[in-house]
Amino acid sequence: MKIALVVSDFNGEVTSLMRDRARAHAESLGVEVSHEVHVPGVFDMGLAIKKLLQRDDVDGVAILGAVIKGDTMHDELISTVTARVASDLALQFDKPVALGVTGPGMTEAQAYDRIDNARTAVDSVARMIRALREIG
């Protein structure tokens, strides 16, 4: 089983920890991380997800990012659009995309508290790959 990670570099002090946890957890599950793509921010993930899902050597994608609340509702827009794009691409390519993006509405401290969502995303994508293989 081969998965790809798409990692947002925005809020990199949090997302780098998420990436490390995702990689370690994938290894513990016997899942190969065949690709790791860094994008500027969570909003920029869509095209990278699409390109990875088009590859024959990628069975699914886990996306990792932290959308921290600012002074406006921008965090809500970013989170909503990204989740929708990820879901639409999974359906388009018949491959799972696991949402390991935390937020919106969280503080930086809450973002650190949620870095284990990266492990959850790896679990989700691996479980979905197995389930889809069983369905055929």
Protein backbone atom coordinates (compact mmCIF):
# COMPACT_ATOMS: atom_id res chain seq x y z
CA MET A 1 0.00 0.00 0.00
CA LYS A 2 1.42 3.34 -1.08
CA ILE A 3 0.16 6.69 0.10
CA ALA A 4 1.17 10.27 -0.52
CA LEU A 5 1.28 13.14 1.94
CA VAL A 6 0.42 16.69 1.00
CA VAL A 7 1.76 19.03 3.67
CA SER A 8 0.99 22.72 4.06
CA ASP A 9 4.07 24.80 4.83
CA PHE A 10 1.94 27.60 6.32
CA ASN A 11 2.06 27.18 10.10
CA GLY A 12 5.06 24.96 9.44
CA GLU A 13 6.04 24.73 13.09
CA VAL A 14 2.85 22.69 13.55
CA THR A 15 2.65 20.93 10.19
CA SER A 16 6.24 19.68 10.34
CA LEU A 17 5.31 17.83 13.53
CA MET A 18 2.19 16.51 11.83
CA ARG A 19 4.31 15.25 8.92
CA ASP A 20 6.72 13.49 11.28
CA ARG A 21 3.86 11.79 13.14
CA ALA A 22 2.18 10.76 9.89
CA ARG A 23 5.39 9.21 8.54
CA ALA A 24 6.13 7.35 11.77
CA HIS A 25 2.59 6.04 11.97
CA ALA A 26 2.59 4.94 8.34
CA GLU A 27 5.80 3.02 8.96
CA SER A 28 4.30 1.34 12.04
CA LEU A 29 1.35 0.22 9.88
CA GLY A 30 3.58 -1.07 7.09
CA VAL A 31 2.28 1.63 4.73
CA GLU A 32 4.79 3.19 2.34
CA VAL A 33 4.80 6.95 1.96
CA SER A 34 5.76 7.02 -1.70
CA HIS A 35 5.46 10.79 -2.17
CA GLU A 36 5.56 13.86 0.04
CA VAL A 37 4.55 17.15 -1.53
CA HIS A 38 4.81 20.50 0.23
CA VAL A 39 2.49 23.31 -0.77
CA PRO A 40 2.45 26.93 0.43
CA GLY A 41 -0.85 26.67 2.29
CA VAL A 42 -3.91 24.50 2.85
CA PHE A 43 -5.80 26.29 0.07
CA ASP A 44 -3.09 25.24 -2.41
CA MET A 45 -3.54 21.50 -1.83
CA GLY A 46 -6.12 20.78 -4.52
CA LEU A 47 -3.88 20.61 -7.55
CA ALA A 48 -1.22 18.57 -5.73
CA ILE A 49 -3.89 16.11 -4.55
CA LYS A 50 -5.20 15.78 -8.10
CA LYS A 51 -1.77 15.15 -9.62
CA LEU A 52 -0.98 12.53 -6.98
CA LEU A 53 -4.30 10.72 -7.43
CA GLN A 54 -3.57 10.46 -11.16
CA ARG A 55 -0.44 8.41 -10.42
CA ASP A 56 -0.56 4.62 -10.59
CA ASP A 57 1.89 4.37 -7.67
CA VAL A 58 -0.39 6.24 -5.24
CA ASP A 59 -3.29 4.38 -3.61
CA GLY A 60 -4.50 7.34 -1.52
CA VAL A 61 -3.53 10.72 -0.11
CA ALA A 62 -3.43 12.16 3.39
CA ILE A 63 -3.50 15.95 3.58
CA LEU A 64 -1.91 17.70 6.55
CA GLY A 65 -2.34 21.30 7.60
CA ALA A 66 -3.30 23.63 10.42
CA VAL A 67 -5.79 26.44 9.80
CA ILE A 68 -5.48 28.81 12.77
CA LYS A 69 -8.07 31.48 13.51
CA GLY A 70 -7.11 35.00 12.51
CA ASP A 71 -8.95 38.31 12.78
CA THR A 72 -11.41 37.44 10.00
CA MET A 73 -13.43 34.42 8.87
CA HIS A 74 -10.75 33.52 6.31
CA ASP A 75 -9.94 30.32 8.22
CA GLU A 76 -13.50 29.06 7.74
CA LEU A 77 -13.38 29.71 4.00
CA ILE A 78 -10.03 27.94 3.60
CA SER A 79 -11.10 24.89 5.61
CA THR A 80 -14.46 24.53 3.86
CA VAL A 81 -13.06 24.86 0.35
CA THR A 82 -10.19 22.46 1.01
CA ALA A 83 -12.42 19.77 2.51
CA ARG A 84 -14.78 20.03 -0.44
CA VAL A 85 -11.99 19.84 -3.02
CA ALA A 86 -10.46 16.82 -1.27
CA SER A 87 -13.80 15.02 -1.19
CA ASP A 88 -14.57 15.83 -4.82
CA LEU A 89 -11.15 14.59 -5.98
CA ALA A 90 -11.50 11.34 -4.03
CA LEU A 91 -14.79 10.68 -5.80
CA GLN A 92 -13.40 11.69 -9.20
CA PHE A 93 -10.39 9.35 -8.99
CA ASP A 94 -11.87 6.54 -6.86
CA LYS A 95 -9.04 6.87 -4.37
CA PRO A 96 -9.32 8.01 -0.75
CA VAL A 97 -8.19 11.41 0.45
CA ALA A 98 -7.94 11.64 4.23
CA LEU A 99 -8.45 15.01 5.89
CA GLY A 100 -5.66 15.70 8.35
CA VAL A 101 -6.26 19.44 8.27
CA THR A 102 -7.12 20.91 11.65
CA GLY A 103 -9.27 23.99 12.14
CA PRO A 104 -11.01 26.31 11.55
CA GLY A 105 -11.52 28.41 14.62
CA MET A 106 -8.59 27.09 16.62
CA THR A 107 -5.76 28.85 18.37
CA GLU A 108 -2.10 28.05 17.87
CA ALA A 109 -2.12 26.14 21.18
CA GLN A 110 -5.08 24.08 19.98
CA ALA A 111 -3.23 23.36 16.74
CA TYR A 112 -0.36 21.84 18.72
CA ASP A 113 -2.86 19.82 20.73
CA ARG A 114 -4.22 18.36 17.49
CA ILE A 115 -1.03 17.25 15.74
CA ASP A 116 -2.08 13.63 16.23
CA ASN A 117 -4.78 14.24 13.62
CA ALA A 118 -1.98 13.36 11.22
CA ARG A 119 -1.96 9.81 12.62
CA THR A 120 -5.73 9.68 12.26
CA ALA A 121 -5.45 10.74 8.61
CA VAL A 122 -2.96 7.95 7.88
CA ASP A 123 -5.26 5.46 9.63
CA SER A 124 -8.22 6.70 7.60
CA VAL A 125 -6.53 6.53 4.22
CA ALA A 126 -5.12 3.04 4.94
CA ARG A 127 -8.49 1.74 6.12
CA MET A 128 -10.25 3.16 3.08
CA ILE A 129 -7.72 1.64 0.70
CA ARG A 130 -8.32 -1.75 2.30
CA ALA A 131 -12.09 -1.31 2.21
CA LEU A 132 -12.08 -0.28 -1.44
CA ARG A 133 -9.91 -3.26 -2.35
CA GLU A 134 -12.40 -5.57 -0.64
CA ILE A 135 -15.30 -4.05 -2.57
CA GLY A 136 -13.40 -4.46 -5.83
